[in-house]
Amino acid sequence: MIRSRLYIKMYLTVLCGLLLVVLSLGTFAMLADDEDDGFSGKLDRFAGALLSAEMSRQQRQEMLERLARGLNADVALFDKDNNYVQGAGALSTKPAADAYLAQGGHRHMREFEARLPDGGRVLVYMESQFDKAKGKFLLAIFIVAIAIGIASLPAVRYLTRRLEDLRHGVEHWGTGALSSRVDVCGHDEIALVAKSFNQAADRVEQLIKSQKSMLAN
């Protein structure tokens, strides 16, 4: 049926548009880097300010422990030769840090690395809240897409129903009911087509009446 194909095509067009939006936003969310170009430099300066070379070992240890508690993370400090210096959390001692890194305990954690002015570096392992937020963002996209797809169904059906009513009116007029007209609703293209049909039907009806009157005379 023509009307069924038109209805399906219109609705599939809406769904395809939504699918493209979902795929575009999903791809962007998956490929987007959480760390912009200037983030590494800012992190290095931040770490250098917190763990300055003028601080004593005890002061650095206290700062590392504060970072570990505040971020709920595991923190370790390494020198320029990549030797373990000190740490906090699961990396509080060198044996613990070696075991932690060797056993892959950090694989499910988010890793941050900052370079210090003296050539050392700070490693921070914390729960990957960024991935959780990304998952929630993708879920929100799918929920919105489904909601729009469901909400668009009545709108598409309303448009096709008006076309069906127009077709029925034309078919009814074509069977000989010259006085029949189609309803004009709104001011869009469908309403203009209905209005044009009614005007054409008026002219045809008047022409036929004139012919009949002339023949009768």
N, C-alpha and C. Protein backbone atom coordinates (compact mmCIF):
# COMPACT_ATOMS: atom_id res chain seq x y z
N MET A 1 0.84 -1.20 0.00
CA MET A 1 0.00 0.00 0.00
C MET A 1 0.88 1.25 0.00
N ILE A 2 0.44 2.27 -0.79
CA ILE A 2 1.23 3.49 -0.89
C ILE A 2 1.29 4.22 0.44
N ARG A 3 0.13 4.29 1.12
CA ARG A 3 0.10 5.02 2.37
C ARG A 3 0.99 4.37 3.43
N SER A 4 1.04 3.03 3.42
CA SER A 4 1.89 2.33 4.38
C SER A 4 3.35 2.62 4.09
N ARG A 5 3.73 2.60 2.81
CA ARG A 5 5.12 2.89 2.48
C ARG A 5 5.49 4.32 2.84
N LEU A 6 4.60 5.26 2.57
CA LEU A 6 4.88 6.65 2.93
C LEU A 6 5.02 6.81 4.43
N TYR A 7 4.16 6.20 5.19
CA TYR A 7 4.20 6.28 6.65
C TYR A 7 5.51 5.70 7.17
N ILE A 8 5.88 4.55 6.64
CA ILE A 8 7.11 3.90 7.10
C ILE A 8 8.34 4.72 6.70
N LYS A 9 8.33 5.24 5.48
CA LYS A 9 9.47 6.03 5.02
C LYS A 9 9.67 7.27 5.87
N MET A 10 8.58 7.95 6.18
CA MET A 10 8.70 9.16 6.99
C MET A 10 9.23 8.84 8.38
N TYR A 11 8.72 7.78 8.97
CA TYR A 11 9.17 7.43 10.33
C TYR A 11 10.60 6.92 10.31
N LEU A 12 10.96 6.15 9.29
CA LEU A 12 12.34 5.67 9.20
C LEU A 12 13.31 6.83 8.97
N THR A 13 12.85 7.86 8.27
CA THR A 13 13.70 9.03 8.09
C THR A 13 14.01 9.69 9.42
N VAL A 14 12.98 9.81 10.28
CA VAL A 14 13.20 10.38 11.61
C VAL A 14 14.15 9.50 12.43
N LEU A 15 13.94 8.20 12.38
CA LEU A 15 14.78 7.30 13.15
C LEU A 15 16.22 7.30 12.64
N CYS A 16 16.41 7.39 11.34
CA CYS A 16 17.76 7.44 10.79
C CYS A 16 18.47 8.72 11.23
N GLY A 17 17.72 9.83 11.25
CA GLY A 17 18.32 11.07 11.74
C GLY A 17 18.76 10.96 13.19
N LEU A 18 17.91 10.34 14.01
CA LEU A 18 18.27 10.14 15.41
C LEU A 18 19.47 9.21 15.55
N LEU A 19 19.52 8.18 14.70
CA LEU A 19 20.63 7.25 14.77
C LEU A 19 21.94 7.94 14.43
N LEU A 20 21.93 8.81 13.43
CA LEU A 20 23.14 9.55 13.07
C LEU A 20 23.59 10.46 14.22
N VAL A 21 22.62 11.09 14.88
CA VAL A 21 22.97 11.96 16.02
C VAL A 21 23.59 11.14 17.15
N VAL A 22 22.97 9.98 17.44
CA VAL A 22 23.49 9.12 18.52
C VAL A 22 24.89 8.63 18.19
N LEU A 23 25.09 8.18 16.95
CA LEU A 23 26.41 7.67 16.56
C LEU A 23 27.45 8.78 16.60
N SER A 24 27.07 9.98 16.16
CA SER A 24 28.03 11.08 16.17
C SER A 24 28.43 11.45 17.59
N LEU A 25 27.43 11.61 18.47
CA LEU A 25 27.74 11.98 19.85
C LEU A 25 28.47 10.84 20.57
N GLY A 26 28.05 9.60 20.30
CA GLY A 26 28.73 8.46 20.92
C GLY A 26 30.17 8.36 20.49
N THR A 27 30.44 8.55 19.20
CA THR A 27 31.82 8.50 18.71
C THR A 27 32.65 9.62 19.32
N PHE A 28 32.05 10.81 19.41
CA PHE A 28 32.76 11.92 20.03
C PHE A 28 33.09 11.63 21.48
N ALA A 29 32.13 11.04 22.20
CA ALA A 29 32.36 10.74 23.62
C ALA A 29 33.42 9.66 23.79
N MET A 30 33.46 8.69 22.87
CA MET A 30 34.44 7.61 22.99
C MET A 30 35.84 8.06 22.62
N LEU A 31 35.93 8.94 21.63
CA LEU A 31 37.24 9.34 21.13
C LEU A 31 37.79 10.59 21.80
N ALA A 32 36.91 11.34 22.46
CA ALA A 32 37.36 12.60 23.07
C ALA A 32 38.36 12.30 24.18
N ASP A 33 39.41 13.04 24.19
CA ASP A 33 40.45 12.88 25.22
C ASP A 33 40.09 13.75 26.40
N ASP A 34 40.08 13.14 27.58
CA ASP A 34 39.73 13.88 28.78
C ASP A 34 40.80 14.90 29.15
N GLU A 35 41.98 14.70 28.62
CA GLU A 35 43.07 15.61 28.94
C GLU A 35 43.34 16.49 27.72
N ASP A 36 43.10 17.78 27.87
CA ASP A 36 43.36 18.67 26.75
C ASP A 36 44.84 18.94 26.64
N ASP A 37 45.20 19.74 25.63
CA ASP A 37 46.62 19.93 25.34
C ASP A 37 47.36 20.58 26.49
N GLY A 38 46.72 21.46 27.24
CA GLY A 38 47.42 22.15 28.30
C GLY A 38 47.29 21.52 29.66
N PHE A 39 46.58 20.38 29.74
CA PHE A 39 46.33 19.80 31.06
C PHE A 39 47.62 19.24 31.67
N SER A 40 48.46 18.61 30.86
CA SER A 40 49.69 18.01 31.39
C SER A 40 50.60 19.06 32.00
N GLY A 41 50.75 20.19 31.30
CA GLY A 41 51.59 21.24 31.84
C GLY A 41 51.05 21.81 33.14
N LYS A 42 49.73 21.98 33.21
CA LYS A 42 49.13 22.48 34.44
C LYS A 42 49.30 21.49 35.58
N LEU A 43 49.18 20.20 35.28
CA LEU A 43 49.36 19.18 36.31
C LEU A 43 50.79 19.16 36.81
N ASP A 44 51.74 19.34 35.90
CA ASP A 44 53.15 19.37 36.32
C ASP A 44 53.40 20.55 37.26
N ARG A 45 52.89 21.72 36.90
CA ARG A 45 53.09 22.89 37.75
C ARG A 45 52.40 22.73 39.11
N PHE A 46 51.24 22.09 39.09
CA PHE A 46 50.51 21.87 40.33
C PHE A 46 51.29 20.93 41.25
N ALA A 47 51.79 19.84 40.66
CA ALA A 47 52.57 18.89 41.47
C ALA A 47 53.86 19.52 41.96
N GLY A 48 54.49 20.34 41.11
CA GLY A 48 55.72 20.99 41.52
C GLY A 48 55.50 21.95 42.67
N ALA A 49 54.33 22.62 42.68
CA ALA A 49 54.03 23.55 43.77
C ALA A 49 53.74 22.81 45.06
N LEU A 50 53.07 21.67 44.98
CA LEU A 50 52.74 20.91 46.18
C LEU A 50 53.95 20.19 46.75
N LEU A 51 54.81 19.68 45.87
CA LEU A 51 55.95 18.89 46.31
C LEU A 51 57.23 19.58 45.87
N SER A 52 57.47 20.74 46.39
CA SER A 52 58.65 21.52 46.00
C SER A 52 59.92 20.88 46.56
N ALA A 53 61.04 21.24 45.91
CA ALA A 53 62.32 20.68 46.33
C ALA A 53 62.75 21.17 47.71
N GLU A 54 62.20 22.30 48.16
CA GLU A 54 62.58 22.83 49.47
C GLU A 54 61.94 22.06 50.62
N MET A 55 60.97 21.23 50.34
CA MET A 55 60.27 20.50 51.40
C MET A 55 61.14 19.35 51.90
N SER A 56 61.02 19.05 53.17
CA SER A 56 61.72 17.90 53.73
C SER A 56 60.98 16.62 53.36
N ARG A 57 61.64 15.49 53.60
CA ARG A 57 61.01 14.21 53.28
C ARG A 57 59.72 14.02 54.08
N GLN A 58 59.74 14.45 55.35
CA GLN A 58 58.56 14.31 56.18
C GLN A 58 57.42 15.18 55.66
N GLN A 59 57.75 16.39 55.24
CA GLN A 59 56.72 17.28 54.70
C GLN A 59 56.12 16.72 53.40
N ARG A 60 56.99 16.14 52.56
CA ARG A 60 56.49 15.54 51.33
C ARG A 60 55.59 14.35 51.63
N GLN A 61 56.00 13.57 52.65
CA GLN A 61 55.18 12.41 53.01
C GLN A 61 53.80 12.85 53.49
N GLU A 62 53.77 13.89 54.29
CA GLU A 62 52.48 14.39 54.76
C GLU A 62 51.62 14.89 53.60
N MET A 63 52.26 15.54 52.65
CA MET A 63 51.51 16.03 51.49
C MET A 63 50.99 14.87 50.65
N LEU A 64 51.79 13.85 50.45
CA LEU A 64 51.34 12.68 49.69
C LEU A 64 50.16 12.00 50.38
N GLU A 65 50.24 11.88 51.70
CA GLU A 65 49.14 11.26 52.44
C GLU A 65 47.87 12.11 52.35
N ARG A 66 48.01 13.43 52.36
CA ARG A 66 46.84 14.29 52.20
C ARG A 66 46.21 14.11 50.82
N LEU A 67 47.06 14.02 49.81
CA LEU A 67 46.55 13.80 48.46
C LEU A 67 45.84 12.45 48.36
N ALA A 68 46.42 11.43 48.98
CA ALA A 68 45.83 10.10 48.92
C ALA A 68 44.47 10.09 49.61
N ARG A 69 44.37 10.76 50.77
CA ARG A 69 43.09 10.80 51.47
C ARG A 69 42.08 11.67 50.73
N GLY A 70 42.51 12.82 50.25
CA GLY A 70 41.59 13.74 49.59
C GLY A 70 41.04 13.21 48.28
N LEU A 71 41.89 12.50 47.53
CA LEU A 71 41.48 11.97 46.22
C LEU A 71 41.03 10.51 46.29
N ASN A 72 41.16 9.92 47.48
CA ASN A 72 40.88 8.48 47.62
C ASN A 72 41.69 7.71 46.58
N ALA A 73 42.99 7.99 46.57
CA ALA A 73 43.86 7.46 45.53
C ALA A 73 45.13 6.88 46.15
N ASP A 74 45.91 6.26 45.29
CA ASP A 74 47.23 5.75 45.65
C ASP A 74 48.27 6.61 44.96
N VAL A 75 49.24 7.12 45.74
CA VAL A 75 50.19 8.10 45.23
C VAL A 75 51.60 7.62 45.49
N ALA A 76 52.49 7.83 44.51
CA ALA A 76 53.89 7.45 44.68
C ALA A 76 54.79 8.50 44.04
N LEU A 77 55.93 8.73 44.66
CA LEU A 77 56.91 9.69 44.17
C LEU A 77 58.16 8.94 43.72
N PHE A 78 58.65 9.23 42.50
CA PHE A 78 59.84 8.61 41.94
C PHE A 78 60.85 9.69 41.61
N ASP A 79 62.14 9.34 41.69
CA ASP A 79 63.18 10.31 41.35
C ASP A 79 63.41 10.32 39.84
N LYS A 80 64.39 11.11 39.40
CA LYS A 80 64.65 11.26 37.97
C LYS A 80 65.16 9.98 37.34
N ASP A 81 65.69 9.04 38.15
CA ASP A 81 66.15 7.75 37.64
C ASP A 81 65.07 6.68 37.75
N ASN A 82 63.86 7.10 38.03
CA ASN A 82 62.70 6.22 38.14
C ASN A 82 62.80 5.27 39.33
N ASN A 83 63.49 5.69 40.36
CA ASN A 83 63.57 4.91 41.59
C ASN A 83 62.50 5.39 42.57
N TYR A 84 61.87 4.44 43.25
CA TYR A 84 60.83 4.77 44.22
C TYR A 84 61.42 5.57 45.37
N VAL A 85 60.73 6.63 45.75
CA VAL A 85 61.19 7.48 46.85
C VAL A 85 60.28 7.32 48.06
N GLN A 86 59.01 7.62 47.87
CA GLN A 86 58.04 7.49 48.95
C GLN A 86 56.64 7.55 48.35
N GLY A 87 55.64 7.18 49.15
CA GLY A 87 54.28 7.16 48.62
C GLY A 87 53.26 7.06 49.72
N ALA A 88 52.01 6.90 49.31
CA ALA A 88 50.90 6.81 50.25
C ALA A 88 49.83 5.90 49.66
N GLY A 89 48.94 5.43 50.52
CA GLY A 89 47.91 4.49 50.07
C GLY A 89 48.48 3.13 49.81
N ALA A 90 48.11 2.50 48.72
CA ALA A 90 48.64 1.18 48.37
C ALA A 90 50.09 1.26 47.93
N LEU A 91 50.62 2.48 47.74
CA LEU A 91 52.01 2.66 47.30
C LEU A 91 52.85 3.27 48.42
N SER A 92 52.51 2.97 49.64
CA SER A 92 53.16 3.61 50.78
C SER A 92 54.59 3.13 50.99
N THR A 93 54.93 1.94 50.51
CA THR A 93 56.29 1.41 50.65
C THR A 93 56.76 0.90 49.29
N LYS A 94 58.08 0.74 49.14
CA LYS A 94 58.62 0.26 47.88
C LYS A 94 58.16 -1.16 47.57
N PRO A 95 58.20 -2.12 48.52
CA PRO A 95 57.69 -3.46 48.20
C PRO A 95 56.22 -3.45 47.80
N ALA A 96 55.43 -2.63 48.52
CA ALA A 96 54.01 -2.55 48.18
C ALA A 96 53.81 -1.96 46.79
N ALA A 97 54.61 -0.93 46.46
CA ALA A 97 54.49 -0.32 45.14
C ALA A 97 54.91 -1.29 44.04
N ASP A 98 56.01 -2.03 44.26
CA ASP A 98 56.45 -3.01 43.26
C ASP A 98 55.39 -4.08 43.04
N ALA A 99 54.81 -4.58 44.14
CA ALA A 99 53.77 -5.60 44.01
C ALA A 99 52.53 -5.06 43.33
N TYR A 100 52.19 -3.84 43.68
CA TYR A 100 50.99 -3.20 43.11
C TYR A 100 51.11 -3.05 41.60
N LEU A 101 52.28 -2.57 41.17
CA LEU A 101 52.49 -2.35 39.73
C LEU A 101 52.71 -3.67 38.99
N ALA A 102 53.38 -4.63 39.64
CA ALA A 102 53.66 -5.90 38.97
C ALA A 102 52.40 -6.74 38.81
N GLN A 103 51.53 -6.71 39.79
CA GLN A 103 50.31 -7.53 39.74
C GLN A 103 49.18 -6.87 38.95
N GLY A 104 49.43 -5.69 38.45
CA GLY A 104 48.41 -5.02 37.63
C GLY A 104 47.25 -4.48 38.44
N GLY A 105 47.51 -4.14 39.70
CA GLY A 105 46.43 -3.59 40.51
C GLY A 105 45.93 -2.25 40.04
N HIS A 106 46.70 -1.60 39.15
CA HIS A 106 46.34 -0.28 38.66
C HIS A 106 45.56 -0.32 37.35
N ARG A 107 45.33 -1.48 36.81
CA ARG A 107 44.74 -1.57 35.47
C ARG A 107 43.32 -1.00 35.42
N HIS A 108 42.60 -1.13 36.51
CA HIS A 108 41.23 -0.63 36.54
C HIS A 108 41.15 0.75 37.20
N MET A 109 42.29 1.40 37.31
CA MET A 109 42.34 2.72 37.93
C MET A 109 42.75 3.76 36.90
N ARG A 110 42.39 4.97 37.15
CA ARG A 110 42.79 6.08 36.30
C ARG A 110 44.18 6.54 36.70
N GLU A 111 45.09 6.64 35.73
CA GLU A 111 46.48 7.00 36.03
C GLU A 111 46.77 8.44 35.63
N PHE A 112 47.36 9.17 36.56
CA PHE A 112 47.83 10.53 36.29
C PHE A 112 49.32 10.58 36.61
N GLU A 113 50.06 11.25 35.76
CA GLU A 113 51.50 11.39 35.96
C GLU A 113 51.89 12.86 35.82
N ALA A 114 52.68 13.33 36.76
CA ALA A 114 53.15 14.71 36.73
C ALA A 114 54.66 14.73 36.90
N ARG A 115 55.31 15.59 36.12
CA ARG A 115 56.75 15.74 36.18
C ARG A 115 57.11 16.88 37.14
N LEU A 116 58.13 16.65 37.95
CA LEU A 116 58.59 17.66 38.91
C LEU A 116 59.78 18.42 38.34
N PRO A 117 60.04 19.62 38.83
CA PRO A 117 61.17 20.41 38.30
C PRO A 117 62.52 19.72 38.43
N ASP A 118 62.70 18.86 39.45
CA ASP A 118 63.98 18.19 39.64
C ASP A 118 64.13 16.94 38.78
N GLY A 119 63.14 16.66 37.91
CA GLY A 119 63.23 15.49 37.04
C GLY A 119 62.46 14.29 37.56
N GLY A 120 62.00 14.36 38.80
CA GLY A 120 61.21 13.26 39.34
C GLY A 120 59.79 13.28 38.79
N ARG A 121 59.01 12.34 39.24
CA ARG A 121 57.63 12.28 38.77
C ARG A 121 56.73 11.75 39.88
N VAL A 122 55.47 12.10 39.78
CA VAL A 122 54.46 11.66 40.73
C VAL A 122 53.43 10.84 39.97
N LEU A 123 53.11 9.66 40.48
CA LEU A 123 52.08 8.81 39.90
C LEU A 123 50.88 8.77 40.85
N VAL A 124 49.73 8.96 40.28
CA VAL A 124 48.49 8.93 41.06
C VAL A 124 47.54 7.95 40.39
N TYR A 125 47.04 6.98 41.17
CA TYR A 125 46.06 6.01 40.67
C TYR A 125 44.77 6.19 41.48
N MET A 126 43.68 6.47 40.75
CA MET A 126 42.40 6.66 41.41
C MET A 126 41.30 6.04 40.57
N GLU A 127 40.13 5.86 41.18
CA GLU A 127 39.02 5.26 40.47
C GLU A 127 38.66 6.09 39.24
N SER A 128 38.33 5.37 38.17
CA SER A 128 38.08 6.03 36.90
C SER A 128 36.68 6.61 36.86
N GLN A 129 36.49 7.73 37.53
CA GLN A 129 35.20 8.42 37.52
C GLN A 129 34.89 8.97 36.14
N PHE A 130 35.92 9.24 35.34
CA PHE A 130 35.70 9.78 34.01
C PHE A 130 34.98 8.77 33.13
N ASP A 131 35.38 7.49 33.23
CA ASP A 131 34.72 6.45 32.43
C ASP A 131 33.28 6.27 32.86
N LYS A 132 33.00 6.36 34.16
CA LYS A 132 31.63 6.24 34.63
C LYS A 132 30.78 7.39 34.10
N ALA A 133 31.33 8.59 34.12
CA ALA A 133 30.60 9.74 33.59
C ALA A 133 30.35 9.59 32.10
N LYS A 134 31.34 9.04 31.38
CA LYS A 134 31.18 8.84 29.95
C LYS A 134 30.08 7.81 29.68
N GLY A 135 30.04 6.76 30.50
CA GLY A 135 28.98 5.76 30.33
C GLY A 135 27.60 6.34 30.60
N LYS A 136 27.49 7.19 31.61
CA LYS A 136 26.21 7.83 31.90
C LYS A 136 25.81 8.77 30.77
N PHE A 137 26.80 9.44 30.18
CA PHE A 137 26.51 10.34 29.06
C PHE A 137 25.96 9.56 27.87
N LEU A 138 26.58 8.42 27.55
CA LEU A 138 26.10 7.61 26.43
C LEU A 138 24.71 7.05 26.73
N LEU A 139 24.49 6.63 27.97
CA LEU A 139 23.16 6.13 28.34
C LEU A 139 22.11 7.23 28.20
N ALA A 140 22.46 8.44 28.61
CA ALA A 140 21.52 9.56 28.48
C ALA A 140 21.19 9.84 27.02
N ILE A 141 22.19 9.72 26.14
CA ILE A 141 21.96 9.93 24.71
C ILE A 141 20.95 8.92 24.18
N PHE A 142 21.14 7.64 24.54
CA PHE A 142 20.23 6.61 24.05
C PHE A 142 18.81 6.80 24.60
N ILE A 143 18.71 7.19 25.86
CA ILE A 143 17.38 7.41 26.45
C ILE A 143 16.67 8.56 25.74
N VAL A 144 17.41 9.66 25.50
CA VAL A 144 16.81 10.80 24.80
C VAL A 144 16.40 10.41 23.38
N ALA A 145 17.25 9.62 22.70
CA ALA A 145 16.93 9.20 21.34
C ALA A 145 15.68 8.34 21.31
N ILE A 146 15.57 7.42 22.26
CA ILE A 146 14.37 6.56 22.32
C ILE A 146 13.14 7.40 22.60
N ALA A 147 13.27 8.36 23.53
CA ALA A 147 12.12 9.22 23.86
C ALA A 147 11.68 10.04 22.65
N ILE A 148 12.65 10.59 21.90
CA ILE A 148 12.30 11.37 20.71
C ILE A 148 11.68 10.48 19.65
N GLY A 149 12.22 9.25 19.50
CA GLY A 149 11.66 8.33 18.51
C GLY A 149 10.21 7.97 18.82
N ILE A 150 9.92 7.75 20.10
CA ILE A 150 8.54 7.43 20.49
C ILE A 150 7.64 8.65 20.32
N ALA A 151 8.14 9.83 20.71
CA ALA A 151 7.33 11.04 20.61
C ALA A 151 7.07 11.44 19.17
N SER A 152 7.99 11.11 18.26
CA SER A 152 7.81 11.51 16.86
C SER A 152 6.79 10.63 16.13
N LEU A 153 6.49 9.46 16.69
CA LEU A 153 5.53 8.57 16.03
C LEU A 153 4.15 9.21 15.86
N PRO A 154 3.55 9.84 16.88
CA PRO A 154 2.24 10.50 16.67
C PRO A 154 2.30 11.63 15.65
N ALA A 155 3.42 12.37 15.64
CA ALA A 155 3.54 13.47 14.68
C ALA A 155 3.57 12.96 13.25
N VAL A 156 4.35 11.91 13.03
CA VAL A 156 4.42 11.33 11.69
C VAL A 156 3.07 10.74 11.29
N ARG A 157 2.44 10.09 12.25
CA ARG A 157 1.13 9.49 11.96
C ARG A 157 0.09 10.57 11.67
N TYR A 158 0.17 11.71 12.34
CA TYR A 158 -0.77 12.80 12.10
C TYR A 158 -0.63 13.33 10.67
N LEU A 159 0.61 13.49 10.21
CA LEU A 159 0.83 13.98 8.85
C LEU A 159 0.32 12.99 7.81
N THR A 160 0.61 11.72 8.00
CA THR A 160 0.17 10.72 7.02
C THR A 160 -1.35 10.56 7.06
N ARG A 161 -1.95 10.73 8.22
CA ARG A 161 -3.42 10.63 8.30
C ARG A 161 -4.08 11.76 7.52
N ARG A 162 -3.52 12.95 7.57
CA ARG A 162 -4.06 14.06 6.78
C ARG A 162 -3.94 13.77 5.29
N LEU A 163 -2.82 13.17 4.89
CA LEU A 163 -2.67 12.79 3.48
C LEU A 163 -3.69 11.72 3.09
N GLU A 164 -3.93 10.78 4.01
CA GLU A 164 -4.92 9.74 3.74
C GLU A 164 -6.32 10.35 3.60
N ASP A 165 -6.65 11.31 4.48
CA ASP A 165 -7.96 11.97 4.38
C ASP A 165 -8.09 12.72 3.05
N LEU A 166 -7.01 13.36 2.63
CA LEU A 166 -7.03 14.05 1.35
C LEU A 166 -7.24 13.07 0.20
N ARG A 167 -6.57 11.95 0.27
CA ARG A 167 -6.72 10.95 -0.78
C ARG A 167 -8.15 10.40 -0.82
N HIS A 168 -8.70 10.11 0.37
CA HIS A 168 -10.08 9.61 0.42
C HIS A 168 -11.06 10.63 -0.17
N GLY A 169 -10.84 11.94 0.15
CA GLY A 169 -11.73 12.97 -0.40
C GLY A 169 -11.64 13.05 -1.91
N VAL A 170 -10.42 12.95 -2.45
CA VAL A 170 -10.26 12.99 -3.90
C VAL A 170 -10.91 11.77 -4.55
N GLU A 171 -10.72 10.59 -3.94
CA GLU A 171 -11.33 9.39 -4.49
C GLU A 171 -12.86 9.47 -4.44
N HIS A 172 -13.39 9.99 -3.34
CA HIS A 172 -14.84 10.14 -3.22
C HIS A 172 -15.37 11.11 -4.28
N TRP A 173 -14.66 12.21 -4.49
CA TRP A 173 -15.07 13.17 -5.52
C TRP A 173 -14.99 12.53 -6.91
N GLY A 174 -13.97 11.68 -7.10
CA GLY A 174 -13.80 11.04 -8.40
C GLY A 174 -14.87 10.02 -8.73
N THR A 175 -15.58 9.52 -7.73
CA THR A 175 -16.66 8.57 -7.99
C THR A 175 -17.93 9.25 -8.49
N GLY A 176 -17.94 10.59 -8.49
CA GLY A 176 -19.10 11.31 -8.99
C GLY A 176 -19.72 12.25 -7.99
N ALA A 177 -19.27 12.22 -6.76
CA ALA A 177 -19.81 13.14 -5.75
C ALA A 177 -19.12 14.49 -5.91
N LEU A 178 -19.57 15.23 -6.92
CA LEU A 178 -18.89 16.48 -7.28
C LEU A 178 -19.04 17.55 -6.21
N SER A 179 -20.03 17.43 -5.35
CA SER A 179 -20.22 18.45 -4.31
C SER A 179 -19.35 18.20 -3.07
N SER A 180 -18.68 17.06 -3.04
CA SER A 180 -17.86 16.74 -1.86
C SER A 180 -16.58 17.55 -1.89
N ARG A 181 -16.09 17.92 -0.70
CA ARG A 181 -14.85 18.68 -0.57
C ARG A 181 -14.02 18.07 0.57
N VAL A 182 -12.77 18.39 0.56
CA VAL A 182 -11.88 17.89 1.61
C VAL A 182 -11.70 18.98 2.66
N ASP A 183 -11.46 18.56 3.88
CA ASP A 183 -11.26 19.51 4.98
C ASP A 183 -9.90 20.19 4.85
N VAL A 184 -9.87 21.47 5.10
CA VAL A 184 -8.62 22.24 5.09
C VAL A 184 -8.24 22.53 6.53
N CYS A 185 -7.14 21.94 6.97
CA CYS A 185 -6.69 22.11 8.37
C CYS A 185 -5.28 22.70 8.36
N GLY A 186 -5.11 23.80 9.03
CA GLY A 186 -3.79 24.39 9.15
C GLY A 186 -3.44 25.28 7.98
N HIS A 187 -2.14 25.62 7.89
CA HIS A 187 -1.66 26.51 6.84
C HIS A 187 -0.40 25.95 6.18
N ASP A 188 -0.17 24.66 6.29
CA ASP A 188 1.03 24.07 5.70
C ASP A 188 0.77 23.63 4.27
N GLU A 189 1.73 22.88 3.70
CA GLU A 189 1.63 22.45 2.31
C GLU A 189 0.44 21.54 2.07
N ILE A 190 0.15 20.66 3.04
CA ILE A 190 -0.99 19.76 2.88
C ILE A 190 -2.29 20.56 2.83
N ALA A 191 -2.40 21.58 3.67
CA ALA A 191 -3.59 22.42 3.66
C ALA A 191 -3.71 23.18 2.34
N LEU A 192 -2.57 23.63 1.78
CA LEU A 192 -2.61 24.32 0.49
C LEU A 192 -3.06 23.40 -0.63
N VAL A 193 -2.60 22.13 -0.59
CA VAL A 193 -3.04 21.16 -1.59
C VAL A 193 -4.54 20.92 -1.49
N ALA A 194 -5.03 20.78 -0.24
CA ALA A 194 -6.46 20.57 -0.04
C ALA A 194 -7.26 21.78 -0.53
N LYS A 195 -6.76 22.98 -0.24
CA LYS A 195 -7.45 24.19 -0.69
C LYS A 195 -7.46 24.29 -2.21
N SER A 196 -6.35 23.97 -2.84
CA SER A 196 -6.28 24.00 -4.30
C SER A 196 -7.22 22.98 -4.91
N PHE A 197 -7.30 21.80 -4.30
CA PHE A 197 -8.23 20.79 -4.81
C PHE A 197 -9.68 21.27 -4.71
N ASN A 198 -10.04 21.86 -3.58
CA ASN A 198 -11.40 22.36 -3.41
C ASN A 198 -11.73 23.43 -4.46
N GLN A 199 -10.77 24.32 -4.73
CA GLN A 199 -11.00 25.36 -5.74
C GLN A 199 -11.18 24.73 -7.13
N ALA A 200 -10.33 23.75 -7.44
CA ALA A 200 -10.45 23.08 -8.73
C ALA A 200 -11.77 22.32 -8.83
N ALA A 201 -12.19 21.69 -7.72
CA ALA A 201 -13.46 20.96 -7.71
C ALA A 201 -14.63 21.91 -7.91
N ASP A 202 -14.55 23.12 -7.33
CA ASP A 202 -15.62 24.12 -7.53
C ASP A 202 -15.74 24.51 -9.00
N ARG A 203 -14.57 24.72 -9.63
CA ARG A 203 -14.61 25.12 -11.03
C ARG A 203 -15.15 24.00 -11.92
N VAL A 204 -14.73 22.76 -11.63
CA VAL A 204 -15.21 21.63 -12.43
C VAL A 204 -16.72 21.45 -12.23
N GLU A 205 -17.16 21.57 -10.99
CA GLU A 205 -18.59 21.41 -10.72
C GLU A 205 -19.41 22.49 -11.44
N GLN A 206 -18.93 23.73 -11.40
CA GLN A 206 -19.64 24.81 -12.07
C GLN A 206 -19.64 24.60 -13.58
N LEU A 207 -18.52 24.10 -14.11
CA LEU A 207 -18.45 23.84 -15.54
C LEU A 207 -19.43 22.76 -15.96
N ILE A 208 -19.49 21.69 -15.19
CA ILE A 208 -20.42 20.61 -15.50
C ILE A 208 -21.86 21.08 -15.39
N LYS A 209 -22.17 21.87 -14.36
CA LYS A 209 -23.51 22.41 -14.24
C LYS A 209 -23.89 23.29 -15.41
N SER A 210 -22.92 24.08 -15.89
CA SER A 210 -23.18 24.95 -17.03
C SER A 210 -23.43 24.12 -18.28
N GLN A 211 -22.67 23.07 -18.47
CA GLN A 211 -22.88 22.20 -19.63
C GLN A 211 -24.25 21.53 -19.59
N LYS A 212 -24.58 21.05 -18.35
CA LYS A 212 -25.89 20.40 -18.23
C LYS A 212 -27.02 21.40 -18.51
N SER A 213 -26.88 22.62 -18.02
CA SER A 213 -27.89 23.63 -18.25
C SER A 213 -27.99 23.97 -19.72
N MET A 214 -26.87 24.04 -20.42
CA MET A 214 -26.89 24.35 -21.85
C MET A 214 -27.55 23.23 -22.62
N LEU A 215 -27.22 21.98 -22.29
CA LEU A 215 -27.83 20.83 -22.96
C LEU A 215 -29.33 20.78 -22.70
N ALA A 216 -29.74 21.11 -21.49
CA ALA A 216 -31.16 21.09 -21.16
C ALA A 216 -31.91 22.15 -21.95
N ASN A 217 -31.27 23.30 -22.12
CA ASN A 217 -31.91 24.37 -22.88
C ASN A 217 -32.01 24.01 -24.37
